Amino acid sequence: MESTRILLAVAAALLVGLAPLSGQAAEEPPAAPPAGDLSLKLEVQHAIERSLQWLAGQQNPAGYWSQPDHPALTGLVVTAFLNEPTGAIRANPPAGVKKGLSQMLSAVQPDGGIYVKDLANYNTSVVMTALVATFDPAYEPILRRARSFLVGLQQDYDQPRETDNPMDGGIGYGSSYTHSDLSNTMFAMEALYYTKFLARGQEGPAAELKDLNWEAALRFVSRCQNLPGMNDQPWASDDPANRGGFIYFPGDSKAGEEELEAGSGRKALRSYGSISYAGLLSLVYADLGPKDPRVRAVVEWLGKNFTLDENPGMGAQGLYYYYHAMAKALAAAGIDHLTLADGSAVDWRRQLAVKLLDLQRGDGSWVNENGRWWEKDPVLVTSYAAIALEVIHRGL
């Protein structure tokens, strides 16, 4: 049981970029941060504390946050509480967190998924990461069944497989939306990556559980990247504005398309910021290293398009999902500084921390005035921001 607890701790640490999957401890303790980093770190911690105080006041008496039909929203809040910097909440969860965990578990379905009626993949994946963050091995049976549920959502559209569908290998919402997409695939890969230690059955190697077809998932992810040579789809563009970035699913970009040369008729599907960070996260979860051409290309695109004033290609739409994905992706990829278009390097942690501190409202919350992707919901947006700051705090 103790070994299981250690594995859960390693997996949860990965959620915030703390440890390699191997779980190997550092040989020496980290050096003390520079004074400037310490000052910022204290400010970040204070902002996190304020955000959690605000979130605590938003909990419904039934135990959920925001919407009862979407346990992922409660999952994001619970994850923010459990990952707060001092570790005190994880060590001794307050009543509200315990009630939130119970509310999420009430959504466990007979098929192993954790959802109420729709968005089955998204809800299951996010709740799984929250359960991992508890470090509690009591949730292992639920996590095992949830893993099997997610694996069962991986798409293979052509049966028998006479042709190769570009959507094969990916995962969608797991409900009324039939196509795969990169965002949902990333959430599923994240939950499965951080619970890899549960892929083996309790009876040893002979009882191994079915795992995701990671090769097929990576093929789908690659088919969402503007990178000819690694993406076999004809629409993949090598033009400088889009090369290396990602789109929503093969053949479709939420950022639309653009004509490459006036009057030429040649068009490119536009890469955009939030989904490109989701793409980088997916490549990390597929165990690709920094030398892989897909990783190098997306990191180059992200550096050239780095901004905190908007979600590149989308304006204010999905801005806090963008911040949240940025912090997680760059931390998970081990990137401390991004090289910008002019060749200079940016300390993204410091820049993003300052931006989020500036945007925090007086009551401790955040909200996006643009309502795309539910971002007028301050509970959702505050969870995104708090988790991003927790990732930053651990890296300062």
Protein backbone atom coordinates (compact mmCIF):
# COMPACT_ATOMS: atom_id res chain seq x y z
CA MET A 1 0.00 0.00 0.00
CA GLU A 2 2.84 2.41 0.76
CA SER A 3 4.39 1.83 -2.67
CA THR A 4 1.03 2.69 -4.24
CA ARG A 5 0.89 5.90 -2.23
CA ILE A 6 4.36 6.85 -3.50
CA LEU A 7 3.33 6.21 -7.08
CA LEU A 8 0.23 8.32 -6.62
CA ALA A 9 2.42 11.10 -5.23
CA VAL A 10 4.74 10.92 -8.22
CA ALA A 11 1.81 11.00 -10.62
CA ALA A 12 0.22 13.95 -8.87
CA ALA A 13 3.56 15.78 -8.85
CA LEU A 14 3.70 15.44 -12.59
CA LEU A 15 0.45 17.36 -12.85
CA VAL A 16 2.37 20.44 -11.82
CA GLY A 17 5.70 19.68 -13.42
CA LEU A 18 7.47 18.60 -10.25
CA ALA A 19 8.96 15.22 -11.09
CA PRO A 20 9.91 12.86 -13.91
CA LEU A 21 7.65 9.88 -14.48
CA SER A 22 10.40 7.60 -13.16
CA GLY A 23 9.93 9.21 -9.75
CA GLN A 24 13.68 9.52 -9.18
CA ALA A 25 14.49 12.00 -6.46
CA ALA A 26 16.92 14.83 -7.00
CA GLU A 27 20.42 14.11 -5.70
CA GLU A 28 20.70 17.52 -4.06
CA PRO A 29 18.09 19.92 -2.70
CA PRO A 30 17.35 22.87 -4.99
CA ALA A 31 19.23 26.08 -4.38
CA ALA A 32 17.42 28.96 -2.72
CA PRO A 33 15.66 31.18 -5.27
CA PRO A 34 16.99 34.66 -6.01
CA ALA A 35 15.45 37.40 -3.90
CA GLY A 36 13.35 38.66 -6.80
CA ASP A 37 11.90 35.21 -7.38
CA LEU A 38 11.19 34.81 -3.67
CA SER A 39 9.26 38.08 -3.60
CA LEU A 40 7.22 37.08 -6.63
CA LYS A 41 6.70 33.60 -5.23
CA LEU A 42 5.18 35.07 -2.06
CA GLU A 43 2.89 37.28 -4.14
CA VAL A 44 1.81 34.29 -6.17
CA GLN A 45 1.12 32.29 -3.04
CA HIS A 46 -1.00 35.11 -1.66
CA ALA A 47 -2.97 35.29 -4.91
CA ILE A 48 -3.58 31.54 -4.76
CA GLU A 49 -4.80 31.79 -1.16
CA ARG A 50 -7.20 34.59 -2.10
CA SER A 51 -8.54 32.62 -5.04
CA LEU A 52 -9.15 29.54 -2.88
CA GLN A 53 -10.94 31.63 -0.27
CA TRP A 54 -13.22 32.95 -3.00
CA LEU A 55 -13.81 29.48 -4.45
CA ALA A 56 -14.66 28.11 -1.00
CA GLY A 57 -17.49 30.62 -0.81
CA GLN A 58 -18.91 29.55 -4.17
CA GLN A 59 -19.56 25.91 -3.32
CA ASN A 60 -23.15 24.78 -3.55
CA PRO A 61 -24.49 23.22 -0.33
CA ALA A 62 -24.85 19.93 -2.26
CA GLY A 63 -21.06 19.88 -2.68
CA TYR A 64 -20.55 20.81 -6.32
CA TRP A 65 -19.18 23.94 -7.91
CA SER A 66 -20.85 25.80 -10.78
CA GLN A 67 -22.92 23.04 -12.43
CA PRO A 68 -23.98 19.67 -10.99
CA ASP A 69 -24.17 18.06 -14.44
CA HIS A 70 -20.49 18.64 -15.14
CA PRO A 71 -18.30 17.12 -12.40
CA ALA A 72 -15.21 18.36 -14.26
CA LEU A 73 -15.95 21.87 -12.98
CA THR A 74 -15.84 20.58 -9.42
CA GLY A 75 -12.76 18.54 -10.39
CA LEU A 76 -10.86 21.64 -11.45
CA VAL A 77 -11.71 23.42 -8.20
CA VAL A 78 -10.71 20.40 -6.09
CA THR A 79 -7.44 20.11 -8.04
CA ALA A 80 -6.71 23.76 -7.29
CA PHE A 81 -7.28 23.16 -3.57
CA LEU A 82 -5.21 19.98 -3.43
CA ASN A 83 -2.25 21.51 -5.27
CA GLU A 84 -1.97 24.67 -3.16
CA PRO A 85 1.68 25.36 -2.33
CA THR A 86 1.86 24.53 1.39
CA GLY A 87 0.42 21.02 1.05
CA ALA A 88 -1.78 21.62 4.10
CA ILE A 89 -5.05 21.04 2.26
CA ARG A 90 -3.91 17.74 0.78
CA ALA A 91 -2.66 16.60 4.19
CA ASN A 92 -5.90 17.54 5.92
CA PRO A 93 -8.69 18.25 3.41
CA PRO A 94 -11.36 20.61 4.76
CA ALA A 95 -15.01 19.64 4.72
CA GLY A 96 -15.68 21.49 1.47
CA VAL A 97 -13.03 19.56 -0.43
CA LYS A 98 -14.26 16.26 0.98
CA LYS A 99 -17.80 17.17 -0.03
CA GLY A 100 -16.59 18.06 -3.51
CA LEU A 101 -14.86 14.69 -3.82
CA SER A 102 -18.04 12.93 -2.73
CA GLN A 103 -20.09 14.91 -5.25
CA MET A 104 -17.73 13.91 -8.07
CA LEU A 105 -17.87 10.26 -7.04
CA SER A 106 -21.66 10.38 -7.18
CA ALA A 107 -21.24 10.75 -10.95
CA VAL A 108 -19.39 7.43 -11.36
CA GLN A 109 -21.32 5.40 -13.93
CA PRO A 110 -21.65 1.62 -14.37
CA ASP A 111 -19.44 1.87 -17.47
CA GLY A 112 -16.59 3.31 -15.37
CA GLY A 113 -16.93 6.84 -16.69
CA ILE A 114 -17.41 9.80 -14.35
CA TYR A 115 -20.06 12.01 -15.87
CA VAL A 116 -23.77 12.79 -15.60
CA LYS A 117 -25.17 12.83 -19.12
CA ASP A 118 -22.74 14.25 -21.66
CA LEU A 119 -19.13 15.38 -22.24
CA ALA A 120 -18.21 11.98 -20.86
CA ASN A 121 -14.53 12.09 -21.81
CA TYR A 122 -13.90 15.62 -20.57
CA ASN A 123 -15.64 15.06 -17.25
CA THR A 124 -14.03 11.68 -16.63
CA SER A 125 -10.53 12.88 -17.51
CA VAL A 126 -10.59 15.99 -15.33
CA VAL A 127 -12.08 14.16 -12.34
CA MET A 128 -9.37 11.49 -12.68
CA THR A 129 -6.63 14.10 -12.36
CA ALA A 130 -8.36 15.48 -9.26
CA LEU A 131 -8.50 12.01 -7.68
CA VAL A 132 -4.81 11.43 -8.45
CA ALA A 133 -3.98 14.74 -6.76
CA THR A 134 -5.40 13.44 -3.47
CA PHE A 135 -2.49 10.93 -3.16
CA ASP A 136 -5.11 8.55 -1.75
CA PRO A 137 -4.81 4.89 -2.90
CA ALA A 138 -8.43 4.29 -1.90
CA TYR A 139 -9.41 5.73 -5.28
CA GLU A 140 -7.43 3.12 -7.24
CA PRO A 141 -10.43 0.92 -8.16
CA ILE A 142 -12.35 3.93 -9.50
CA LEU A 143 -9.32 5.15 -11.42
CA ARG A 144 -8.73 1.72 -12.96
CA ARG A 145 -12.29 1.52 -14.26
CA ALA A 146 -12.15 5.12 -15.47
CA ARG A 147 -8.95 4.31 -17.36
CA SER A 148 -10.68 1.44 -19.13
CA PHE A 149 -13.59 3.73 -19.98
CA LEU A 150 -11.31 6.33 -21.57
CA VAL A 151 -9.39 3.71 -23.52
CA GLY A 152 -12.71 2.48 -24.88
CA LEU A 153 -13.45 5.95 -26.27
CA GLN A 154 -10.44 5.92 -28.61
CA GLN A 155 -11.75 6.08 -32.15
CA ASP A 156 -11.27 3.67 -35.03
CA TYR A 157 -13.84 4.80 -37.57
CA ASP A 158 -13.27 2.19 -40.27
CA GLN A 159 -14.30 -1.32 -39.32
CA PRO A 160 -13.07 -3.43 -40.98
CA ARG A 161 -10.08 -1.15 -41.38
CA GLU A 162 -9.91 -0.86 -45.17
CA THR A 163 -9.04 2.82 -45.11
CA ASP A 164 -7.30 5.14 -42.68
CA ASN A 165 -9.58 7.83 -41.30
CA PRO A 166 -7.76 11.00 -40.16
CA MET A 167 -9.82 10.91 -36.94
CA ASP A 168 -8.57 7.44 -35.97
CA GLY A 169 -6.62 7.27 -32.73
CA GLY A 170 -8.16 10.38 -31.25
CA ILE A 171 -10.92 10.86 -28.69
CA GLY A 172 -13.89 13.21 -28.76
CA TYR A 173 -16.38 14.33 -26.14
CA GLY A 174 -17.67 10.78 -25.82
CA SER A 175 -21.27 11.83 -26.33
CA SER A 176 -23.27 13.38 -29.16
CA TYR A 177 -20.15 14.79 -30.86
CA THR A 178 -18.85 11.97 -33.02
CA HIS A 179 -15.49 13.30 -34.22
CA SER A 180 -12.18 13.24 -32.36
CA ASP A 181 -10.55 16.54 -31.43
CA LEU A 182 -7.18 17.55 -30.03
CA SER A 183 -8.47 19.15 -26.83
CA ASN A 184 -10.42 16.09 -25.74
CA THR A 185 -7.60 13.79 -26.83
CA MET A 186 -5.17 15.80 -24.70
CA PHE A 187 -7.41 15.60 -21.61
CA ALA A 188 -7.70 11.82 -22.01
CA MET A 189 -3.96 11.40 -22.64
CA GLU A 190 -3.28 13.50 -19.53
CA ALA A 191 -5.48 11.36 -17.28
CA LEU A 192 -4.06 8.14 -18.73
CA TYR A 193 -0.46 9.37 -18.53
CA TYR A 194 -0.72 10.25 -14.85
CA THR A 195 -2.34 6.89 -14.04
CA LYS A 196 0.02 4.70 -16.07
CA PHE A 197 1.07 2.95 -12.87
CA LEU A 198 -2.48 1.56 -12.65
CA ALA A 199 -2.39 -0.01 -16.11
CA ARG A 200 -1.22 -3.28 -14.58
CA GLY A 201 -3.76 -5.43 -12.82
CA GLN A 202 -3.39 -6.41 -9.19
CA GLU A 203 -2.45 -9.99 -10.11
CA GLY A 204 0.73 -9.01 -11.99
CA PRO A 205 1.70 -8.94 -15.67
CA ALA A 206 -0.80 -11.61 -16.70
CA ALA A 207 -3.65 -9.35 -15.61
CA GLU A 208 -2.55 -6.24 -17.46
CA LEU A 209 -5.43 -3.95 -18.34
CA LYS A 210 -6.00 -2.74 -21.86
CA ASP A 211 -4.10 0.50 -22.44
CA LEU A 212 -4.51 3.31 -24.93
CA ASN A 213 -3.06 2.72 -28.36
CA TRP A 214 -0.48 5.45 -27.82
CA GLU A 215 0.97 5.08 -31.31
CA ALA A 216 -2.46 5.70 -32.86
CA ALA A 217 -3.07 8.62 -30.47
CA LEU A 218 0.24 10.19 -31.48
CA ARG A 219 -0.63 9.74 -35.15
CA PHE A 220 -3.88 11.64 -34.56
CA VAL A 221 -2.09 14.39 -32.63
CA SER A 222 0.47 14.71 -35.45
CA ARG A 223 -2.40 15.08 -37.92
CA CYS A 224 -3.50 18.18 -36.04
CA GLN A 225 -0.14 19.94 -36.52
CA ASN A 226 0.84 22.22 -39.37
CA LEU A 227 3.99 20.31 -40.17
CA PRO A 228 4.39 18.63 -43.57
CA GLY A 229 6.63 15.60 -43.35
CA MET A 230 5.24 14.65 -39.93
CA ASN A 231 1.58 15.21 -40.83
CA ASP A 232 0.42 13.10 -43.80
CA GLN A 233 -2.68 15.22 -44.45
CA PRO A 234 -2.66 17.42 -47.59
CA TRP A 235 -3.88 20.53 -45.80
CA ALA A 236 -0.80 20.74 -43.51
CA SER A 237 0.92 24.05 -44.21
CA ASP A 238 4.63 24.90 -44.09
CA ASP A 239 4.12 28.66 -44.32
CA PRO A 240 6.00 30.59 -41.61
CA ALA A 241 2.87 31.95 -39.92
CA ASN A 242 1.43 28.52 -39.20
CA ARG A 243 4.25 25.98 -39.34
CA GLY A 244 4.51 23.99 -36.12
CA GLY A 245 1.27 25.17 -34.57
CA PHE A 246 -1.84 23.06 -34.06
CA ILE A 247 -5.50 23.11 -35.06
CA TYR A 248 -8.63 21.64 -33.43
CA PHE A 249 -8.91 18.47 -35.49
CA PRO A 250 -7.66 17.34 -38.92
CA GLY A 251 -9.11 19.70 -41.49
CA ASP A 252 -10.72 22.14 -39.02
CA SER A 253 -9.34 25.11 -37.11
CA LYS A 254 -11.31 27.21 -34.65
CA ALA A 255 -9.16 30.10 -35.92
CA GLY A 256 -10.38 29.61 -39.49
CA GLU A 257 -8.23 29.71 -42.59
CA GLU A 258 -6.20 32.26 -44.48
CA GLU A 259 -5.10 32.70 -48.07
CA LEU A 260 -1.35 32.27 -48.37
CA GLU A 261 -0.87 34.44 -51.44
CA ALA A 262 -3.35 36.94 -52.84
CA GLY A 263 -5.20 35.42 -55.76
CA SER A 264 -3.40 32.08 -55.51
CA GLY A 265 -6.31 30.14 -54.05
CA ARG A 266 -3.86 28.42 -51.69
CA LYS A 267 -5.14 28.45 -48.15
CA ALA A 268 -3.84 27.37 -44.76
CA LEU A 269 -5.75 26.34 -41.65
CA ARG A 270 -4.60 28.80 -39.03
CA SER A 271 -2.64 27.56 -36.03
CA TYR A 272 -3.75 29.11 -32.73
CA GLY A 273 -2.39 29.48 -29.23
CA SER A 274 -4.47 27.45 -26.78
CA ILE A 275 -4.68 24.37 -28.98
CA SER A 276 -0.96 24.57 -29.75
CA TYR A 277 -0.19 24.34 -26.02
CA ALA A 278 -2.62 21.40 -25.87
CA GLY A 279 -0.64 19.92 -28.74
CA LEU A 280 2.65 20.33 -26.88
CA LEU A 281 1.14 18.69 -23.80
CA SER A 282 -0.06 15.78 -25.93
CA LEU A 283 3.42 15.29 -27.38
CA VAL A 284 4.87 15.27 -23.85
CA TYR A 285 2.29 12.71 -22.72
CA ALA A 286 3.26 10.59 -25.74
CA ASP A 287 6.82 10.60 -24.30
CA LEU A 288 8.40 12.66 -27.09
CA GLY A 289 11.55 14.53 -26.10
CA PRO A 290 12.75 18.03 -26.99
CA LYS A 291 14.67 16.82 -30.05
CA ASP A 292 11.62 15.40 -31.78
CA PRO A 293 10.81 17.57 -34.83
CA ARG A 294 7.18 17.93 -33.75
CA VAL A 295 8.19 19.24 -30.34
CA ARG A 296 10.81 21.56 -31.78
CA ALA A 297 8.35 22.93 -34.34
CA VAL A 298 5.55 23.70 -31.90
CA VAL A 299 7.94 25.27 -29.37
CA GLU A 300 9.27 27.50 -32.14
CA TRP A 301 5.73 28.50 -33.14
CA LEU A 302 4.79 29.22 -29.52
CA GLY A 303 7.87 31.39 -29.07
CA LYS A 304 7.20 33.37 -32.24
CA ASN A 305 3.60 33.93 -31.19
CA PHE A 306 4.12 34.43 -27.47
CA THR A 307 1.78 37.01 -25.98
CA LEU A 308 -0.25 37.38 -22.80
CA ASP A 309 -2.63 39.96 -24.25
CA GLU A 310 -4.69 37.44 -26.20
CA ASN A 311 -5.05 33.80 -27.19
CA PRO A 312 -3.10 34.00 -30.49
CA GLY A 313 -5.45 33.55 -33.39
CA MET A 314 -8.52 33.67 -31.13
CA GLY A 315 -8.35 37.05 -29.40
CA ALA A 316 -10.09 36.98 -26.02
CA GLN A 317 -11.79 33.66 -26.73
CA GLY A 318 -10.51 30.93 -24.42
CA LEU A 319 -7.94 33.28 -22.89
CA TYR A 320 -7.77 31.59 -19.48
CA TYR A 321 -7.71 28.11 -20.95
CA TYR A 322 -4.73 29.48 -22.90
CA TYR A 323 -2.98 30.66 -19.72
CA HIS A 324 -3.75 27.38 -17.98
CA ALA A 325 -2.48 25.25 -20.90
CA MET A 326 0.61 27.45 -21.29
CA ALA A 327 1.72 26.95 -17.69
CA LYS A 328 1.12 23.20 -17.72
CA ALA A 329 2.68 22.59 -21.14
CA LEU A 330 5.86 24.61 -20.72
CA ALA A 331 6.44 23.22 -17.22
CA ALA A 332 5.84 19.64 -18.36
CA ALA A 333 8.18 20.14 -21.32
CA GLY A 334 10.91 21.48 -19.02
CA ILE A 335 11.03 24.87 -20.75
CA ASP A 336 12.12 27.79 -18.57
CA HIS A 337 12.51 30.39 -21.32
CA LEU A 338 10.87 30.71 -24.71
CA THR A 339 12.82 32.11 -27.66
CA LEU A 340 10.80 34.89 -29.25
CA ALA A 341 10.58 35.94 -32.88
CA ASP A 342 13.36 38.54 -32.42
CA GLY A 343 15.71 35.96 -30.89
CA SER A 344 15.36 37.18 -27.30
CA ALA A 345 14.25 34.88 -24.50
CA VAL A 346 11.25 35.38 -22.22
CA ASP A 347 10.90 34.09 -18.66
CA TRP A 348 7.35 32.91 -19.20
CA ARG A 349 6.73 32.06 -15.53
CA ARG A 350 7.49 35.57 -14.34
CA GLN A 351 5.57 37.19 -17.21
CA LEU A 352 2.50 34.99 -16.78
CA ALA A 353 2.54 35.39 -12.99
CA VAL A 354 2.57 39.17 -13.24
CA LYS A 355 -0.22 39.10 -15.83
CA LEU A 356 -2.45 36.93 -13.66
CA LEU A 357 -1.72 39.05 -10.59
CA ASP A 358 -2.80 42.12 -12.55
CA LEU A 359 -6.00 40.47 -13.75
CA GLN A 360 -7.11 39.11 -10.37
CA ARG A 361 -10.19 40.91 -9.11
CA GLY A 362 -10.57 42.41 -5.66
CA ASP A 363 -12.51 39.45 -4.33
CA GLY A 364 -9.79 36.99 -5.42
CA SER A 365 -11.49 35.70 -8.54
CA TRP A 366 -10.87 35.98 -12.27
CA VAL A 367 -13.36 36.12 -15.15
CA ASN A 368 -13.23 36.53 -18.91
CA GLU A 369 -15.64 39.06 -20.39
CA ASN A 370 -15.68 36.90 -23.52
CA GLY A 371 -18.03 33.99 -22.89
CA ARG A 372 -16.63 31.50 -25.41
CA TRP A 373 -16.01 28.04 -23.91
CA TRP A 374 -17.83 28.93 -20.65
CA GLU A 375 -15.27 31.56 -19.67
CA LYS A 376 -17.85 33.96 -18.27
CA ASP A 377 -18.11 31.46 -15.45
CA PRO A 378 -15.79 32.87 -12.75
CA VAL A 379 -15.53 29.48 -11.02
CA LEU A 380 -14.10 27.86 -14.14
CA VAL A 381 -11.80 30.77 -14.92
CA THR A 382 -10.60 31.14 -11.33
CA SER A 383 -9.76 27.44 -11.26
CA TYR A 384 -7.74 27.79 -14.48
CA ALA A 385 -5.85 30.77 -13.07
CA ALA A 386 -5.21 29.22 -9.66
CA ILE A 387 -3.84 26.00 -11.17
CA ALA A 388 -1.64 28.02 -13.52
CA LEU A 389 -0.24 30.00 -10.58
CA GLU A 390 0.39 26.79 -8.64
CA VAL A 391 2.41 25.44 -11.56
CA ILE A 392 4.34 28.71 -11.71
CA HIS A 393 4.91 28.77 -7.94
CA ARG A 394 6.57 25.36 -8.02
CA GLY A 395 8.90 26.43 -10.79
CA LEU A 396 10.03 29.80 -9.42
